[in-house]
């Protein structure tokens, strides 16, 4: 598939991207991410490997667009952060959040304590 990243045209194929990332250890994900061969890579790391350009030369949106068209699963920073925030809560904190605060419960029922 032909795509443009950092104003340069590239012919990318899914199997070539998988082969180029095969021996590379994923860096910690802090922003957008892509799943390649059951590993989660930062989009900028993948973009640097497949384009051989500096990470500052392209945006993560350009790489996400290209990799999504190739059929890779991409996660934005917001969707990656949401499960982590939910997992950080204890069961007690989750139940408390669902039930609301005592003041909110008092307003709903009209009773005062």
Protein backbone atom coordinates (compact mmCIF):
# COMPACT_ATOMS: atom_id res chain seq x y z
CA UNK A 1 0.00 0.00 0.00
CA UNK A 2 1.31 3.43 -0.87
CA UNK A 3 1.20 6.03 1.90
CA UNK A 4 2.86 9.33 2.73
CA UNK A 5 4.68 9.81 6.02
CA UNK A 6 6.62 13.03 6.70
CA UNK A 7 6.04 14.16 3.09
CA UNK A 8 7.78 11.06 1.70
CA UNK A 9 5.94 8.27 -0.16
CA UNK A 10 6.34 4.69 1.08
CA UNK A 11 5.13 1.35 -0.21
CA UNK A 12 4.23 -0.57 2.95
CA UNK A 13 3.02 -4.14 3.25
CA UNK A 14 1.76 -5.81 6.41
CA UNK A 15 4.21 -8.74 6.30
CA UNK A 16 7.18 -6.40 5.71
CA UNK A 17 6.21 -4.28 8.74
CA UNK A 18 5.90 -7.44 10.87
CA UNK A 19 9.30 -8.71 9.67
CA UNK A 20 11.01 -5.37 10.33
CA UNK A 21 9.66 -5.30 13.91
CA UNK A 22 10.40 -8.97 14.62
CA UNK A 23 13.66 -8.59 16.57
CA UNK A 24 12.91 -5.23 18.16
CA UNK A 25 12.00 -4.93 21.83
CA UNK A 26 8.96 -2.68 22.46
CA UNK A 27 9.61 0.52 24.37
CA UNK A 28 7.23 1.61 27.15
CA UNK A 29 4.03 3.01 25.67
CA UNK A 30 3.23 6.58 26.72
CA UNK A 31 1.05 7.68 23.80
CA UNK A 32 -0.46 6.06 20.73
CA UNK A 33 0.29 2.36 20.31
CA UNK A 34 0.00 -0.39 17.70
CA UNK A 35 -0.25 -4.17 18.14
CA UNK A 36 2.18 -6.09 15.91
CA UNK A 37 2.57 -9.85 16.36
CA UNK A 38 0.92 -9.77 19.82
CA UNK A 39 3.34 -7.07 21.01
CA UNK A 40 2.34 -3.49 21.77
CA UNK A 41 4.72 -0.92 20.30
CA UNK A 42 4.66 2.88 20.52
CA UNK A 43 3.60 4.24 17.13
CA UNK A 44 6.62 6.53 16.93
CA UNK A 45 9.00 3.57 17.43
CA UNK A 46 7.36 1.66 14.58
CA UNK A 47 7.38 4.73 12.37
CA UNK A 48 11.08 5.24 12.97
CA UNK A 49 11.87 1.63 12.05
CA UNK A 50 9.75 1.40 8.91
CA UNK A 51 10.65 4.86 7.52
CA UNK A 52 14.25 5.08 8.81
CA UNK A 53 13.54 8.69 9.74
CA UNK A 54 13.87 10.56 13.00
CA UNK A 55 10.75 10.45 15.20
CA UNK A 56 10.52 14.22 15.16
CA UNK A 57 10.01 14.24 11.39
CA UNK A 58 6.52 12.70 11.43
CA UNK A 59 3.43 12.72 13.60
CA UNK A 60 1.95 9.68 15.29
CA UNK A 61 -1.31 10.33 13.42
CA UNK A 62 0.42 9.75 10.08
CA UNK A 63 1.76 6.38 11.22
CA UNK A 64 -1.55 5.38 12.86
CA UNK A 65 -3.39 6.15 9.62
CA UNK A 66 -0.95 4.05 7.55
CA UNK A 67 -0.87 1.11 9.96
CA UNK A 68 -4.66 1.09 10.33
CA UNK A 69 -5.02 0.85 6.55
CA UNK A 70 -2.65 -2.13 6.60
CA UNK A 71 -4.92 -3.86 9.13
CA UNK A 72 -3.01 -3.38 12.38
CA UNK A 73 -4.85 -2.62 15.62
CA UNK A 74 -3.99 0.88 16.79
CA UNK A 75 -4.81 2.39 20.19
CA UNK A 76 -4.88 6.08 20.87
CA UNK A 77 -3.46 7.54 24.06
CA UNK A 78 -6.97 8.13 25.49
CA UNK A 79 -8.15 4.53 25.01
CA UNK A 80 -4.93 3.14 26.41
CA UNK A 81 -5.16 5.32 29.53
CA UNK A 82 -8.81 4.51 30.33
CA UNK A 83 -8.37 0.82 31.27
CA UNK A 84 -5.28 1.66 33.33
CA UNK A 85 -7.23 4.23 35.36
CA UNK A 86 -10.11 1.81 35.93
CA UNK A 87 -7.74 -0.98 36.94
CA UNK A 88 -6.05 1.27 39.52
CA UNK A 89 -9.24 1.38 41.63
CA UNK A 90 -9.87 -1.13 44.37
CA UNK A 91 -13.25 -2.90 44.47
CA UNK A 92 -14.26 -0.69 47.41
CA UNK A 93 -13.40 2.49 45.48
CA UNK A 94 -15.34 1.25 42.44
CA UNK A 95 -18.41 0.50 44.56
CA UNK A 96 -18.18 3.87 46.29
CA UNK A 97 -17.97 5.66 42.95
CA UNK A 98 -21.01 3.79 41.66
CA UNK A 99 -23.07 4.53 44.77
CA UNK A 100 -22.06 8.16 44.97
CA UNK A 101 -21.26 10.31 47.98
CA UNK A 102 -23.57 10.50 51.04
CA UNK A 103 -24.60 14.04 50.12
CA UNK A 104 -25.65 12.91 46.66
CA UNK A 105 -27.68 10.04 48.15
CA UNK A 106 -29.39 12.46 50.54
CA UNK A 107 -30.43 14.74 47.67
CA UNK A 108 -31.91 11.83 45.72
CA UNK A 109 -34.06 10.51 48.55
CA UNK A 110 -34.94 13.81 50.14
CA UNK A 111 -34.05 12.46 53.60
CA UNK A 112 -31.63 14.13 55.94
CA UNK A 113 -29.30 12.21 58.21
